[in-house]
Amino acid sequence: MNVTDQRISHELRVRYNECDAQGIVFNANWLMYSDVVMTEFWRQTIGGYQHLSESLNVETVVAETGSRYRGIARFDDVLTFVARVTRLGRSSMRVEIESQKGDELLYQGFLEYVFVDAHTLTPVPIPDRIREILQVPADS
């Protein structure tokens, strides 16, 4: 399995309070949706985000994000998100996220995470256990 094969899918329904004055999803909420999707990513891959600190003594912090808006979503739309790991570095991981409404691509984004010691919050190498779960080697 290569790094681009590791992906999860998650559906969300747009709530009224997530829309702006024009009646469409407010742009900043796409990052909030991405965070929800990453919570599901960790739940599906390791049983929950809490296992990072409880079992591996690491946390992840966001170092960089990016977004490209391709379409609009409105109240009560059901959105399908797909998150996939596209890169594992020594201490960082990039996850790309896309969202669709039916067959229409609405959003493309990425989150770059750095793994840090759970107590000192200083960067640490990605734990071997995470690499094993994701079934991908480190960048050379």
Protein backbone atom coordinates (compact mmCIF):
# COMPACT_ATOMS: atom_id res chain seq x y z
CA MET A 1 0.00 0.00 0.00
CA ASN A 2 1.39 3.42 -0.80
CA VAL A 3 0.66 6.65 1.00
CA THR A 4 -2.12 7.74 -1.38
CA ASP A 5 -4.09 4.55 -0.65
CA GLN A 6 -4.72 5.52 3.00
CA ARG A 7 -8.06 7.35 3.00
CA ILE A 8 -11.27 7.65 4.97
CA SER A 9 -14.70 8.93 4.02
CA HIS A 10 -17.15 10.83 6.23
CA GLU A 11 -20.51 12.52 5.63
CA LEU A 12 -21.72 15.75 7.23
CA ARG A 13 -25.02 17.62 6.93
CA VAL A 14 -24.78 21.42 6.75
CA ARG A 15 -26.45 23.11 9.70
CA TYR A 16 -28.20 26.47 9.41
CA ASN A 17 -25.73 28.30 11.67
CA GLU A 18 -22.83 27.30 9.38
CA CYS A 19 -24.19 29.46 6.53
CA ASP A 20 -23.44 33.12 5.87
CA ALA A 21 -25.74 36.00 4.87
CA GLN A 22 -25.87 34.66 1.30
CA GLY A 23 -27.16 31.31 2.58
CA ILE A 24 -24.02 29.33 1.72
CA VAL A 25 -21.46 27.64 3.95
CA PHE A 26 -19.16 30.32 5.37
CA ASN A 27 -15.61 29.80 4.09
CA ALA A 28 -13.99 29.32 7.51
CA ASN A 29 -16.38 26.48 8.28
CA TRP A 30 -14.65 24.30 5.67
CA LEU A 31 -11.63 24.18 8.00
CA MET A 32 -13.94 23.29 10.89
CA TYR A 33 -15.37 20.49 8.72
CA SER A 34 -11.81 19.37 7.97
CA ASP A 35 -11.13 19.16 11.71
CA VAL A 36 -14.24 17.01 12.18
CA VAL A 37 -13.06 14.76 9.34
CA MET A 38 -9.64 14.41 11.01
CA THR A 39 -11.32 13.37 14.25
CA GLU A 40 -13.00 10.60 12.23
CA PHE A 41 -9.68 9.80 10.53
CA TRP A 42 -8.05 9.11 13.89
CA ARG A 43 -11.11 7.20 15.13
CA GLN A 44 -11.00 4.92 12.08
CA THR A 45 -7.22 4.44 12.01
CA ILE A 46 -6.22 4.18 15.70
CA GLY A 47 -9.49 4.12 17.63
CA GLY A 48 -9.51 7.84 18.47
CA TYR A 49 -7.24 10.87 18.74
CA GLN A 50 -6.82 10.32 22.49
CA HIS A 51 -4.70 7.23 21.76
CA LEU A 52 -1.94 9.46 20.40
CA SER A 53 -1.27 10.99 23.80
CA GLU A 54 -2.41 8.08 25.98
CA SER A 55 -0.51 5.31 24.18
CA LEU A 56 2.19 7.06 22.17
CA ASN A 57 2.90 10.22 24.21
CA VAL A 58 2.44 12.44 21.14
CA GLU A 59 0.00 15.05 19.91
CA THR A 60 -0.41 16.70 16.52
CA VAL A 61 -0.43 20.43 15.88
CA VAL A 62 -1.43 22.13 12.66
CA ALA A 63 1.51 23.82 10.96
CA GLU A 64 -0.12 24.82 7.68
CA THR A 65 -3.48 24.73 5.91
CA GLY A 66 -4.75 25.52 2.46
CA SER A 67 -8.16 25.68 0.82
CA ARG A 68 -9.61 25.87 -2.67
CA TYR A 69 -13.33 26.49 -3.02
CA ARG A 70 -14.88 24.90 -6.12
CA GLY A 71 -18.60 25.23 -5.43
CA ILE A 72 -21.12 26.10 -2.75
CA ALA A 73 -23.03 24.18 -0.13
CA ARG A 74 -26.23 25.29 1.55
CA PHE A 75 -28.24 24.48 4.65
CA ASP A 76 -29.23 20.80 4.87
CA ASP A 77 -26.93 19.66 2.05
CA VAL A 78 -25.22 16.35 2.73
CA LEU A 79 -21.49 16.58 2.02
CA THR A 80 -19.12 13.68 1.56
CA PHE A 81 -15.55 14.26 2.66
CA VAL A 82 -12.58 12.11 1.73
CA ALA A 83 -9.31 12.52 3.61
CA ARG A 84 -6.10 10.89 2.47
CA VAL A 85 -2.57 10.95 3.76
CA THR A 86 -0.37 12.21 0.94
CA ARG A 87 2.94 12.55 2.74
CA LEU A 88 4.70 11.37 5.86
CA GLY A 89 7.90 13.14 6.70
CA ARG A 90 10.17 12.64 9.66
CA SER A 91 7.89 14.51 12.08
CA SER A 92 5.11 15.82 9.84
CA MET A 93 2.13 14.47 7.96
CA ARG A 94 0.11 16.02 5.15
CA VAL A 95 -3.56 15.14 4.74
CA GLU A 96 -5.54 16.28 1.71
CA ILE A 97 -9.30 16.61 2.02
CA GLU A 98 -11.93 16.88 -0.68
CA SER A 99 -15.66 17.42 -0.31
CA GLN A 100 -18.43 16.67 -2.74
CA LYS A 101 -22.18 17.13 -2.87
CA GLY A 102 -23.28 14.23 -5.02
CA ASP A 103 -20.86 14.25 -7.96
CA GLU A 104 -19.99 17.95 -7.63
CA LEU A 105 -16.57 18.79 -6.15
CA LEU A 106 -17.01 21.68 -3.71
CA TYR A 107 -13.81 21.89 -1.69
CA GLN A 108 -10.17 20.86 -1.79
CA GLY A 109 -7.90 21.50 1.15
CA PHE A 110 -4.91 20.24 3.05
CA LEU A 111 -3.70 20.13 6.61
CA GLU A 112 -0.03 19.77 7.49
CA TYR A 113 0.49 18.35 10.97
CA VAL A 114 3.61 18.16 13.10
CA PHE A 115 3.88 15.43 15.71
CA VAL A 116 4.98 16.80 19.06
CA ASP A 117 5.79 15.39 22.50
CA ALA A 118 2.53 15.42 24.48
CA HIS A 119 4.17 17.20 27.44
CA THR A 120 6.77 19.54 25.98
CA LEU A 121 5.02 20.19 22.64
CA THR A 122 8.37 19.97 20.86
CA PRO A 123 8.57 18.18 17.49
CA VAL A 124 9.28 14.44 17.57
CA PRO A 125 9.57 11.78 14.88
CA ILE A 126 6.30 10.16 13.83
CA PRO A 127 5.95 7.04 16.00
CA ASP A 128 6.67 3.75 14.26
CA ARG A 129 3.23 2.53 15.37
CA ILE A 130 1.57 5.29 13.34
CA ARG A 131 3.69 4.39 10.31
CA GLU A 132 2.70 0.74 10.75
CA ILE A 133 -1.00 1.60 10.99
CA LEU A 134 -0.81 3.83 7.93
CA GLN A 135 1.40 1.22 6.23
CA VAL A 136 3.71 3.76 4.68
CA PRO A 137 7.49 4.29 4.94
CA ALA A 138 9.18 7.52 5.94
CA ASP A 139 10.27 9.98 3.26
CA SER A 140 13.82 9.26 2.23
